[in-house]
C-alpha atoms as a PDB file:
ATOM      1  CA  MET A   1      32.815   6.488  -6.703  1.00  0.00           C
ATOM      2  CA  SER A   2      33.130   8.858  -3.757  1.00  0.00           C
ATOM      3  CA  ASP A   3      31.439   8.322  -0.410  1.00  0.00           C
ATOM      4  CA  LYS A   4      29.120  11.244  -1.131  1.00  0.00           C
ATOM      5  CA  GLU A   5      28.089   9.746  -4.476  1.00  0.00           C
ATOM      6  CA  LYS A   6      27.407   6.416  -2.771  1.00  0.00           C
ATOM      7  CA  ALA A   7      25.303   8.144  -0.104  1.00  0.00           C
ATOM      8  CA  ASP A   8      23.364  10.092  -2.738  1.00  0.00           C
ATOM      9  CA  LEU A   9      22.724   6.893  -4.694  1.00  0.00           C
ATOM     10  CA  HIS A  10      21.544   5.134  -1.526  1.00  0.00           C
ATOM     11  CA  ILE A  11      19.093   7.964  -0.757  1.00  0.00           C
ATOM     12  CA  ALA A  12      17.800   8.021  -4.342  1.00  0.00           C
ATOM     13  CA  LYS A  13      16.924   4.320  -4.172  1.00  0.00           C
ATOM     14  CA  HIS A  14      14.413   4.830  -1.333  1.00  0.00           C
ATOM     15  CA  ASP A  15      10.805   5.893  -1.678  1.00  0.00           C
ATOM     16  CA  SER A  16       9.692   9.009   0.158  1.00  0.00           C
ATOM     17  CA  HIS A  17       6.896   8.858   2.717  1.00  0.00           C
ATOM     18  CA  LEU A  18       4.606  10.662   0.254  1.00  0.00           C
ATOM     19  CA  LYS A  19       5.342   8.190  -2.536  1.00  0.00           C
ATOM     20  CA  SER A  20       4.637   5.287  -0.165  1.00  0.00           C
ATOM     21  CA  ILE A  21       1.298   6.877   0.744  1.00  0.00           C
ATOM     22  CA  VAL A  22       0.324   7.470  -2.898  1.00  0.00           C
ATOM     23  CA  LYS A  23       1.315   3.913  -3.863  1.00  0.00           C
ATOM     24  CA  ALA A  24      -0.636   2.485  -0.933  1.00  0.00           C
ATOM     25  CA  PHE A  25      -3.705   4.558  -1.793  1.00  0.00           C
ATOM     26  CA  SER A  26      -3.720   3.665  -5.496  1.00  0.00           C
ATOM     27  CA  TRP A  27      -3.271  -0.022  -4.762  1.00  0.00           C
ATOM     28  CA  ARG A  28      -6.003   0.054  -2.115  1.00  0.00           C
ATOM     29  CA  VAL A  29      -8.518   1.446  -4.607  1.00  0.00           C
ATOM     30  CA  ILE A  30      -7.905  -1.509  -6.929  1.00  0.00           C
ATOM     31  CA  ALA A  31      -7.778  -4.089  -4.136  1.00  0.00           C
ATOM     32  CA  THR A  32     -10.886  -2.740  -2.374  1.00  0.00           C
ATOM     33  CA  LEU A  33     -12.911  -2.882  -5.566  1.00  0.00           C
ATOM     34  CA  THR A  34     -11.782  -6.493  -5.948  1.00  0.00           C
ATOM     35  CA  THR A  35     -12.775  -7.281  -2.338  1.00  0.00           C
ATOM     36  CA  MET A  36     -16.170  -5.635  -2.826  1.00  0.00           C
ATOM     37  CA  LEU A  37     -16.774  -7.616  -6.000  1.00  0.00           C
ATOM     38  CA  ALA A  38     -15.840 -10.853  -4.240  1.00  0.00           C
ATOM     39  CA  ALA A  39     -18.139  -9.986  -1.310  1.00  0.00           C
ATOM     40  CA  TYR A  40     -20.992  -9.312  -3.734  1.00  0.00           C
ATOM     41  CA  ILE A  41     -20.391 -12.580  -5.619  1.00  0.00           C
ATOM     42  CA  VAL A  42     -20.306 -14.596  -2.380  1.00  0.00           C
ATOM     43  CA  THR A  43     -23.256 -12.923  -0.641  1.00  0.00           C
ATOM     44  CA  GLY A  44     -25.299 -11.630  -3.562  1.00  0.00           C
ATOM     45  CA  LYS A  45     -25.881  -8.486  -1.480  1.00  0.00           C
ATOM     46  CA  LEU A  46     -24.626  -5.127  -2.657  1.00  0.00           C
ATOM     47  CA  ASP A  47     -25.170  -3.522   0.755  1.00  0.00           C
ATOM     48  CA  VAL A  48     -22.846  -6.068   2.387  1.00  0.00           C
ATOM     49  CA  ALA A  49     -20.172  -5.464  -0.253  1.00  0.00           C
ATOM     50  CA  LEU A  50     -20.468  -1.702   0.264  1.00  0.00           C
ATOM     51  CA  LYS A  51     -20.055  -2.108   4.043  1.00  0.00           C
ATOM     52  CA  ILE A  52     -16.992  -4.351   3.714  1.00  0.00           C
ATOM     53  CA  GLY A  53     -15.232  -2.041   1.232  1.00  0.00           C
ATOM     54  CA  PRO A  54     -14.448   0.945   3.483  1.00  0.00           C
ATOM     55  CA  ILE A  55     -13.300  -1.255   6.385  1.00  0.00           C
ATOM     56  CA  ASP A  56     -11.017  -3.181   4.042  1.00  0.00           C
ATOM     57  CA  PHE A  57      -9.687   0.051   2.510  1.00  0.00           C
ATOM     58  CA  VAL A  58      -8.690   1.772   5.753  1.00  0.00           C
ATOM     59  CA  ALA A  59      -7.281  -1.292   7.509  1.00  0.00           C
ATOM     60  CA  LYS A  60      -5.165  -2.473   4.619  1.00  0.00           C
ATOM     61  CA  LEU A  61      -4.001   1.018   3.654  1.00  0.00           C
ATOM     62  CA  ALA A  62      -2.515   1.445   7.127  1.00  0.00           C
ATOM     63  CA  LEU A  63      -0.986  -2.031   7.104  1.00  0.00           C
ATOM     64  CA  TYR A  64       0.527  -1.538   3.631  1.00  0.00           C
ATOM     65  CA  TYR A  65       2.041   1.820   4.564  1.00  0.00           C
ATOM     66  CA  GLY A  66       3.587   0.336   7.693  1.00  0.00           C
ATOM     67  CA  HIS A  67       4.904  -2.607   5.695  1.00  0.00           C
ATOM     68  CA  GLU A  68       6.508  -0.267   3.125  1.00  0.00           C
ATOM     69  CA  ARG A  69       8.177   1.857   5.779  1.00  0.00           C
ATOM     70  CA  ILE A  70       9.521  -1.172   7.657  1.00  0.00           C
ATOM     71  CA  TRP A  71      11.058  -2.507   4.451  1.00  0.00           C
ATOM     72  CA  GLU A  72      12.707   0.884   3.857  1.00  0.00           C
ATOM     73  CA  CYS A  73      14.637   0.320   7.123  1.00  0.00           C
ATOM     74  CA  ILE A  74      15.900  -3.121   6.103  1.00  0.00           C
ATOM     75  CA  PRO A  75      19.182  -3.218   4.172  1.00  0.00           C
ATOM     76  CA  PHE A  76      18.385  -5.582   1.316  1.00  0.00           C
ATOM     77  CA  ALA A  77      20.374  -6.026  -1.870  1.00  0.00           C
END
């Protein structure tokens, strides 16, 4: 395998920034709904669950995206 083929293969193995954002967003929808359900079960208050949801969504979306991008910089198997 030539050096160019190896480089192309290496690039193909990495997610783009857009794909990382879409993955983070789709996962956050599922995870936020789970957090809101847990908040409702614990508190019995829908308004509390609905207040926690958006905070959870934004904070963890940003953290997940950062986590994904950091891992893209780490040479790992």
